[in-house]
Amino acid sequence: MAGQGLVDIDPYDPRDGSLPVFGWKQAGRENLATRRQLREMGLRPGGQEPVARIECRGGKRWAWLYRIDLAQPKFAMTLAKEAALDKAMAARQTCPVCRRRYVHCLPLKTVGSCLECHDGTPADPISYTAPPAKHLLAA
């Protein structure tokens, strides 16, 4: 009888009706926005708790709403952050067999390489970048 008694709890929703729930496109006149909408405005929630919830598809999909006037500006992208993101994307876009870096993420978990190395499907040269340059000093 494992699993009985387990309850999925939302830490923000007190379930006492204190957080208003809006339907799809009903919260537009308020000073509220989702995380995605805040991001498009160049803002972030900034530590504030959600003040409402918006639901669509009969409550199957939902998002928290935050006050726009309490939102703070997004953190600026630093050179170190940009380098870390590029390194992470390079790991997802580089074929471990032929070492080509593609402009899209490769199916490394399922296939393990690019499709050209896996089954011979020719890759469009536009879909990958030049191979990494070899350093002449490291010879």
N, C-alpha and C. Protein backbone atom coordinates (compact mmCIF):
# COMPACT_ATOMS: atom_id res chain seq x y z
N MET A 1 0.82 -1.18 0.00
CA MET A 1 0.00 0.00 0.00
C MET A 1 0.86 1.24 0.00
N ALA A 2 1.99 1.13 -0.70
CA ALA A 2 2.87 2.28 -0.80
C ALA A 2 2.22 3.35 -1.66
N GLY A 3 2.41 4.57 -1.31
CA GLY A 3 1.86 5.66 -2.08
C GLY A 3 0.55 6.19 -1.54
N GLN A 4 -0.13 5.41 -0.70
CA GLN A 4 -1.37 5.91 -0.13
C GLN A 4 -1.04 6.94 0.93
N GLY A 5 -1.82 7.96 0.95
CA GLY A 5 -1.59 9.01 1.93
C GLY A 5 -0.69 10.12 1.43
N LEU A 6 -0.06 9.92 0.25
CA LEU A 6 0.76 10.97 -0.31
C LEU A 6 -0.14 12.00 -0.99
N VAL A 7 0.11 13.26 -0.72
CA VAL A 7 -0.71 14.32 -1.27
C VAL A 7 0.21 15.32 -1.95
N ASP A 8 -0.16 15.73 -3.17
CA ASP A 8 0.61 16.75 -3.88
C ASP A 8 0.21 18.11 -3.33
N ILE A 9 1.13 18.78 -2.67
CA ILE A 9 0.83 20.04 -2.01
C ILE A 9 1.52 21.17 -2.75
N ASP A 10 0.77 22.22 -3.01
CA ASP A 10 1.30 23.43 -3.62
C ASP A 10 1.68 24.37 -2.49
N PRO A 11 2.96 24.72 -2.32
CA PRO A 11 3.36 25.52 -1.16
C PRO A 11 2.81 26.94 -1.18
N TYR A 12 2.41 27.46 -2.34
CA TYR A 12 1.93 28.83 -2.41
C TYR A 12 0.42 28.95 -2.23
N ASP A 13 -0.32 27.92 -2.55
CA ASP A 13 -1.77 27.99 -2.51
C ASP A 13 -2.28 27.51 -1.16
N PRO A 14 -2.81 28.41 -0.34
CA PRO A 14 -3.29 27.99 0.98
C PRO A 14 -4.60 27.19 0.90
N ARG A 15 -5.22 27.10 -0.28
CA ARG A 15 -6.45 26.36 -0.50
C ARG A 15 -7.61 26.82 0.39
N ASP A 16 -7.54 28.08 0.79
CA ASP A 16 -8.65 28.63 1.57
C ASP A 16 -9.39 29.71 0.80
N GLY A 17 -9.09 29.84 -0.49
CA GLY A 17 -9.75 30.83 -1.32
C GLY A 17 -9.16 32.22 -1.22
N SER A 18 -8.03 32.36 -0.51
CA SER A 18 -7.45 33.69 -0.35
C SER A 18 -6.72 34.15 -1.62
N LEU A 19 -6.26 33.23 -2.46
CA LEU A 19 -5.64 33.61 -3.73
C LEU A 19 -6.70 33.55 -4.82
N PRO A 20 -6.93 34.67 -5.51
CA PRO A 20 -7.92 34.64 -6.59
C PRO A 20 -7.46 33.79 -7.76
N VAL A 21 -8.40 33.16 -8.42
CA VAL A 21 -8.12 32.33 -9.58
C VAL A 21 -8.84 32.96 -10.76
N PHE A 22 -8.08 33.31 -11.80
CA PHE A 22 -8.64 33.92 -12.99
C PHE A 22 -8.70 32.88 -14.10
N GLY A 23 -9.70 33.03 -14.95
CA GLY A 23 -9.77 32.20 -16.15
C GLY A 23 -8.87 32.78 -17.23
N TRP A 24 -8.80 32.09 -18.36
CA TRP A 24 -7.96 32.50 -19.47
C TRP A 24 -8.36 33.90 -19.95
N LYS A 25 -7.39 34.81 -20.04
CA LYS A 25 -7.54 36.20 -20.51
C LYS A 25 -8.47 37.03 -19.64
N GLN A 26 -8.58 36.71 -18.37
CA GLN A 26 -9.41 37.50 -17.46
C GLN A 26 -8.59 38.40 -16.55
N ALA A 27 -7.28 38.22 -16.49
CA ALA A 27 -6.47 39.01 -15.58
C ALA A 27 -5.75 40.14 -16.29
N GLY A 28 -6.15 40.46 -17.51
CA GLY A 28 -5.44 41.46 -18.30
C GLY A 28 -5.55 42.88 -17.79
N ARG A 29 -6.64 43.22 -17.12
CA ARG A 29 -6.83 44.59 -16.65
C ARG A 29 -6.14 44.84 -15.32
N GLU A 30 -5.70 43.82 -14.69
CA GLU A 30 -5.02 43.96 -13.40
C GLU A 30 -3.56 44.34 -13.61
N ASN A 31 -2.88 44.61 -12.52
CA ASN A 31 -1.45 44.89 -12.54
C ASN A 31 -0.70 43.59 -12.30
N LEU A 32 -1.08 42.53 -13.06
CA LEU A 32 -0.54 41.20 -12.83
C LEU A 32 0.08 40.66 -14.11
N ALA A 33 1.08 39.79 -13.95
CA ALA A 33 1.72 39.16 -15.09
C ALA A 33 2.32 37.84 -14.66
N THR A 34 2.44 36.90 -15.60
CA THR A 34 3.11 35.63 -15.34
C THR A 34 4.61 35.84 -15.41
N ARG A 35 5.38 34.83 -15.05
CA ARG A 35 6.84 34.91 -15.15
C ARG A 35 7.28 35.18 -16.58
N ARG A 36 6.65 34.49 -17.52
CA ARG A 36 7.00 34.67 -18.93
C ARG A 36 6.71 36.10 -19.38
N GLN A 37 5.57 36.65 -18.97
CA GLN A 37 5.24 38.02 -19.34
C GLN A 37 6.21 39.01 -18.69
N LEU A 38 6.59 38.74 -17.44
CA LEU A 38 7.57 39.60 -16.78
C LEU A 38 8.90 39.57 -17.53
N ARG A 39 9.32 38.37 -17.95
CA ARG A 39 10.57 38.22 -18.67
C ARG A 39 10.55 39.03 -19.97
N GLU A 40 9.41 39.03 -20.68
CA GLU A 40 9.29 39.80 -21.91
C GLU A 40 9.39 41.30 -21.65
N MET A 41 9.01 41.72 -20.43
CA MET A 41 9.11 43.13 -20.06
C MET A 41 10.48 43.48 -19.49
N GLY A 42 11.38 42.49 -19.40
CA GLY A 42 12.69 42.73 -18.83
C GLY A 42 12.68 42.73 -17.31
N LEU A 43 11.69 42.05 -16.72
CA LEU A 43 11.54 42.02 -15.27
C LEU A 43 11.58 40.59 -14.76
N ARG A 44 11.66 40.46 -13.42
CA ARG A 44 11.62 39.18 -12.74
C ARG A 44 10.79 39.37 -11.47
N PRO A 45 10.23 38.28 -10.90
CA PRO A 45 9.40 38.46 -9.70
C PRO A 45 10.14 39.12 -8.54
N GLY A 46 11.42 38.86 -8.39
CA GLY A 46 12.19 39.54 -7.36
C GLY A 46 11.88 39.12 -5.94
N GLY A 47 11.53 37.86 -5.72
CA GLY A 47 11.30 37.37 -4.37
C GLY A 47 9.88 37.52 -3.86
N GLN A 48 9.02 38.17 -4.60
CA GLN A 48 7.63 38.33 -4.14
C GLN A 48 6.85 37.03 -4.30
N GLU A 49 5.89 36.84 -3.45
CA GLU A 49 5.03 35.67 -3.51
C GLU A 49 3.98 35.89 -4.60
N PRO A 50 3.47 34.83 -5.22
CA PRO A 50 2.39 35.00 -6.18
C PRO A 50 1.14 35.55 -5.49
N VAL A 51 0.40 36.37 -6.22
CA VAL A 51 -0.80 36.97 -5.64
C VAL A 51 -2.08 36.39 -6.24
N ALA A 52 -1.96 35.66 -7.34
CA ALA A 52 -3.13 35.04 -7.97
C ALA A 52 -2.66 33.92 -8.88
N ARG A 53 -3.65 33.28 -9.48
CA ARG A 53 -3.37 32.17 -10.38
C ARG A 53 -4.27 32.30 -11.60
N ILE A 54 -3.73 31.98 -12.76
CA ILE A 54 -4.53 31.98 -13.98
C ILE A 54 -4.60 30.56 -14.50
N GLU A 55 -5.79 30.14 -14.90
CA GLU A 55 -5.99 28.77 -15.35
C GLU A 55 -6.57 28.75 -16.76
N CYS A 56 -6.22 27.71 -17.48
CA CYS A 56 -6.84 27.46 -18.79
C CYS A 56 -7.01 25.96 -18.95
N ARG A 57 -7.79 25.60 -19.94
CA ARG A 57 -8.11 24.19 -20.22
C ARG A 57 -8.71 23.49 -19.00
N GLY A 58 -9.64 24.17 -18.38
CA GLY A 58 -10.35 23.57 -17.26
C GLY A 58 -9.50 23.35 -16.03
N GLY A 59 -8.47 24.16 -15.84
CA GLY A 59 -7.60 24.04 -14.68
C GLY A 59 -6.47 23.07 -14.85
N LYS A 60 -6.36 22.45 -16.05
CA LYS A 60 -5.26 21.50 -16.27
C LYS A 60 -3.93 22.23 -16.44
N ARG A 61 -3.98 23.42 -16.98
CA ARG A 61 -2.77 24.25 -17.12
C ARG A 61 -2.99 25.54 -16.36
N TRP A 62 -1.98 25.96 -15.66
CA TRP A 62 -2.11 27.17 -14.87
C TRP A 62 -0.75 27.83 -14.71
N ALA A 63 -0.76 29.09 -14.26
CA ALA A 63 0.47 29.83 -13.99
C ALA A 63 0.22 30.81 -12.85
N TRP A 64 1.28 31.09 -12.12
CA TRP A 64 1.19 32.07 -11.05
C TRP A 64 1.21 33.46 -11.64
N LEU A 65 0.53 34.38 -10.98
CA LEU A 65 0.53 35.79 -11.37
C LEU A 65 1.23 36.60 -10.30
N TYR A 66 2.06 37.54 -10.74
CA TYR A 66 2.83 38.40 -9.85
C TYR A 66 2.48 39.85 -10.12
N ARG A 67 2.66 40.69 -9.13
CA ARG A 67 2.41 42.12 -9.29
C ARG A 67 3.55 42.74 -10.09
N ILE A 68 3.18 43.50 -11.12
CA ILE A 68 4.18 44.13 -11.97
C ILE A 68 4.90 45.25 -11.24
N ASP A 69 4.17 45.99 -10.38
CA ASP A 69 4.80 47.12 -9.69
C ASP A 69 5.85 46.68 -8.67
N LEU A 70 5.79 45.42 -8.20
CA LEU A 70 6.80 44.92 -7.25
C LEU A 70 7.93 44.15 -7.95
N ALA A 71 7.80 43.94 -9.25
CA ALA A 71 8.82 43.20 -9.99
C ALA A 71 10.09 44.02 -10.10
N GLN A 72 11.21 43.33 -10.21
CA GLN A 72 12.51 43.99 -10.30
C GLN A 72 13.13 43.71 -11.67
N PRO A 73 14.09 44.54 -12.09
CA PRO A 73 14.73 44.29 -13.39
C PRO A 73 15.49 42.97 -13.39
N LYS A 74 15.53 42.35 -14.57
CA LYS A 74 16.29 41.11 -14.71
C LYS A 74 17.77 41.41 -14.51
N PHE A 75 18.50 40.39 -14.09
CA PHE A 75 19.94 40.54 -13.95
C PHE A 75 20.56 40.63 -15.34
N ALA A 76 21.56 41.47 -15.48
CA ALA A 76 22.22 41.62 -16.77
C ALA A 76 23.06 40.39 -17.08
N MET A 77 23.13 40.05 -18.36
CA MET A 77 23.95 38.92 -18.79
C MET A 77 25.42 39.33 -18.70
N THR A 78 26.19 38.58 -17.95
CA THR A 78 27.61 38.86 -17.84
C THR A 78 28.35 37.97 -18.83
N LEU A 79 29.60 38.29 -19.04
CA LEU A 79 30.42 37.50 -19.95
C LEU A 79 30.59 36.07 -19.42
N ALA A 80 30.70 35.92 -18.11
CA ALA A 80 30.85 34.60 -17.52
C ALA A 80 29.58 33.77 -17.70
N LYS A 81 28.40 34.39 -17.52
CA LYS A 81 27.14 33.68 -17.73
C LYS A 81 27.00 33.27 -19.19
N GLU A 82 27.34 34.17 -20.09
CA GLU A 82 27.24 33.87 -21.51
C GLU A 82 28.16 32.72 -21.89
N ALA A 83 29.37 32.71 -21.33
CA ALA A 83 30.31 31.63 -21.61
C ALA A 83 29.80 30.30 -21.06
N ALA A 84 29.20 30.33 -19.88
CA ALA A 84 28.67 29.10 -19.28
C ALA A 84 27.49 28.57 -20.10
N LEU A 85 26.61 29.45 -20.57
CA LEU A 85 25.49 29.02 -21.40
C LEU A 85 25.98 28.45 -22.73
N ASP A 86 27.00 29.08 -23.32
CA ASP A 86 27.54 28.57 -24.58
C ASP A 86 28.17 27.20 -24.39
N LYS A 87 28.84 27.00 -23.28
CA LYS A 87 29.46 25.70 -23.00
C LYS A 87 28.40 24.63 -22.83
N ALA A 88 27.30 24.96 -22.14
CA ALA A 88 26.21 24.00 -21.95
C ALA A 88 25.54 23.68 -23.28
N MET A 89 25.30 24.69 -24.10
CA MET A 89 24.68 24.44 -25.40
C MET A 89 25.61 23.67 -26.32
N ALA A 90 26.91 23.93 -26.24
CA ALA A 90 27.86 23.19 -27.07
C ALA A 90 27.82 21.70 -26.74
N ALA A 91 27.63 21.37 -25.49
CA ALA A 91 27.55 19.96 -25.10
C ALA A 91 26.33 19.29 -25.71
N ARG A 92 25.24 20.03 -25.87
CA ARG A 92 24.01 19.46 -26.45
C ARG A 92 24.02 19.49 -27.97
N GLN A 93 24.86 20.32 -28.56
CA GLN A 93 24.84 20.51 -30.01
C GLN A 93 26.01 19.85 -30.73
N THR A 94 26.99 19.33 -30.01
CA THR A 94 28.18 18.76 -30.62
C THR A 94 28.08 17.24 -30.68
N CYS A 95 28.32 16.70 -31.86
CA CYS A 95 28.29 15.24 -32.04
C CYS A 95 29.57 14.66 -31.44
N PRO A 96 29.47 13.65 -30.58
CA PRO A 96 30.68 13.08 -29.97
C PRO A 96 31.51 12.26 -30.96
N VAL A 97 30.94 11.88 -32.10
CA VAL A 97 31.66 11.07 -33.08
C VAL A 97 32.45 11.93 -34.06
N CYS A 98 31.73 12.84 -34.76
CA CYS A 98 32.40 13.64 -35.79
C CYS A 98 32.84 15.02 -35.28
N ARG A 99 32.45 15.38 -34.06
CA ARG A 99 32.83 16.63 -33.40
C ARG A 99 32.27 17.88 -34.11
N ARG A 100 31.24 17.71 -34.96
CA ARG A 100 30.60 18.88 -35.57
C ARG A 100 29.64 19.48 -34.57
N ARG A 101 29.56 20.81 -34.56
CA ARG A 101 28.58 21.50 -33.71
C ARG A 101 27.44 21.96 -34.61
N TYR A 102 26.25 21.48 -34.30
CA TYR A 102 25.07 21.82 -35.06
C TYR A 102 24.38 23.04 -34.47
N VAL A 103 23.48 23.64 -35.24
CA VAL A 103 22.75 24.81 -34.75
C VAL A 103 21.52 24.39 -33.94
N HIS A 104 21.24 23.10 -33.88
CA HIS A 104 20.13 22.58 -33.09
C HIS A 104 20.66 21.52 -32.12
N CYS A 105 19.88 21.20 -31.13
CA CYS A 105 20.28 20.17 -30.17
C CYS A 105 20.15 18.79 -30.80
N LEU A 106 21.10 17.94 -30.51
CA LEU A 106 21.15 16.59 -31.08
C LEU A 106 20.44 15.60 -30.16
N PRO A 107 19.92 14.50 -30.72
CA PRO A 107 19.27 13.48 -29.89
C PRO A 107 20.30 12.57 -29.22
N LEU A 108 21.12 13.13 -28.36
CA LEU A 108 22.23 12.38 -27.78
C LEU A 108 21.75 11.30 -26.80
N LYS A 109 20.64 11.51 -26.11
CA LYS A 109 20.17 10.50 -25.16
C LYS A 109 19.60 9.28 -25.88
N THR A 110 18.94 9.50 -27.01
CA THR A 110 18.31 8.38 -27.70
C THR A 110 19.19 7.78 -28.79
N VAL A 111 19.85 8.64 -29.57
CA VAL A 111 20.63 8.16 -30.71
C VAL A 111 22.11 8.10 -30.37
N GLY A 112 22.60 9.08 -29.62
CA GLY A 112 23.99 9.07 -29.20
C GLY A 112 24.93 9.84 -30.10
N SER A 113 24.44 10.32 -31.25
CA SER A 113 25.27 11.09 -32.17
C SER A 113 24.35 11.84 -33.12
N CYS A 114 24.96 12.52 -34.08
CA CYS A 114 24.14 13.16 -35.11
C CYS A 114 23.60 12.07 -36.03
N LEU A 115 22.59 12.40 -36.81
CA LEU A 115 21.97 11.39 -37.67
C LEU A 115 22.92 10.93 -38.77
N GLU A 116 23.82 11.80 -39.21
CA GLU A 116 24.77 11.39 -40.24
C GLU A 116 25.71 10.31 -39.72
N CYS A 117 26.17 10.44 -38.50
CA CYS A 117 27.03 9.41 -37.91
C CYS A 117 26.23 8.17 -37.53
N HIS A 118 24.98 8.34 -37.14
CA HIS A 118 24.15 7.22 -36.68
C HIS A 118 23.71 6.31 -37.82
N ASP A 119 23.09 6.90 -38.86
CA ASP A 119 22.55 6.05 -39.92
C ASP A 119 22.90 6.52 -41.33
N GLY A 120 23.78 7.49 -41.45
CA GLY A 120 24.22 7.93 -42.76
C GLY A 120 23.35 8.98 -43.42
N THR A 121 22.31 9.47 -42.72
CA THR A 121 21.48 10.53 -43.27
C THR A 121 22.33 11.77 -43.47
N PRO A 122 22.46 12.26 -44.72
CA PRO A 122 23.34 13.41 -44.93
C PRO A 122 22.82 14.67 -44.24
N ALA A 123 23.73 15.37 -43.61
CA ALA A 123 23.38 16.61 -42.91
C ALA A 123 23.56 17.78 -43.85
N ASP A 124 22.64 18.72 -43.80
CA ASP A 124 22.75 19.93 -44.59
C ASP A 124 23.89 20.77 -44.01
N PRO A 125 24.83 21.22 -44.85
CA PRO A 125 25.95 22.02 -44.31
C PRO A 125 25.50 23.29 -43.61
N ILE A 126 24.30 23.76 -43.88
CA ILE A 126 23.80 24.96 -43.20
C ILE A 126 23.45 24.64 -41.75
N SER A 127 23.19 23.37 -41.42
CA SER A 127 22.74 23.00 -40.09
C SER A 127 23.87 22.83 -39.08
N TYR A 128 25.12 22.92 -39.50
CA TYR A 128 26.21 22.83 -38.54
C TYR A 128 27.23 23.93 -38.77
N THR A 129 28.01 24.19 -37.75
CA THR A 129 29.02 25.24 -37.81
C THR A 129 30.36 24.62 -38.17
N ALA A 130 31.34 25.47 -38.36
CA ALA A 130 32.67 24.98 -38.71
C ALA A 130 33.24 24.17 -37.55
N PRO A 131 34.08 23.18 -37.84
CA PRO A 131 34.69 22.40 -36.75
C PRO A 131 35.56 23.30 -35.89
N PRO A 132 35.74 22.93 -34.63
CA PRO A 132 36.55 23.77 -33.75
C PRO A 132 37.99 23.90 -34.26
N ALA A 133 38.52 25.09 -34.13
CA ALA A 133 39.88 25.36 -34.60
C ALA A 133 40.88 24.68 -33.67
N LYS A 134 41.93 24.16 -34.24
CA LYS A 134 42.99 23.53 -33.43
C LYS A 134 44.02 24.60 -33.09
N HIS A 135 44.42 24.59 -31.86
CA HIS A 135 45.41 25.56 -31.42
C HIS A 135 46.80 25.14 -31.89
N LEU A 136 47.48 26.07 -32.48
CA LEU A 136 48.82 25.78 -32.97
C LEU A 136 49.85 25.73 -31.85
N LEU A 137 49.54 26.38 -30.73
CA LEU A 137 50.47 26.41 -29.63
C LEU A 137 50.46 25.12 -28.81
N ALA A 138 49.38 24.34 -28.92
CA ALA A 138 49.26 23.15 -28.12
C ALA A 138 49.76 21.91 -28.86
N ALA A 139 50.71 22.07 -29.73
CA ALA A 139 51.19 20.94 -30.54
C ALA A 139 52.19 20.10 -29.79
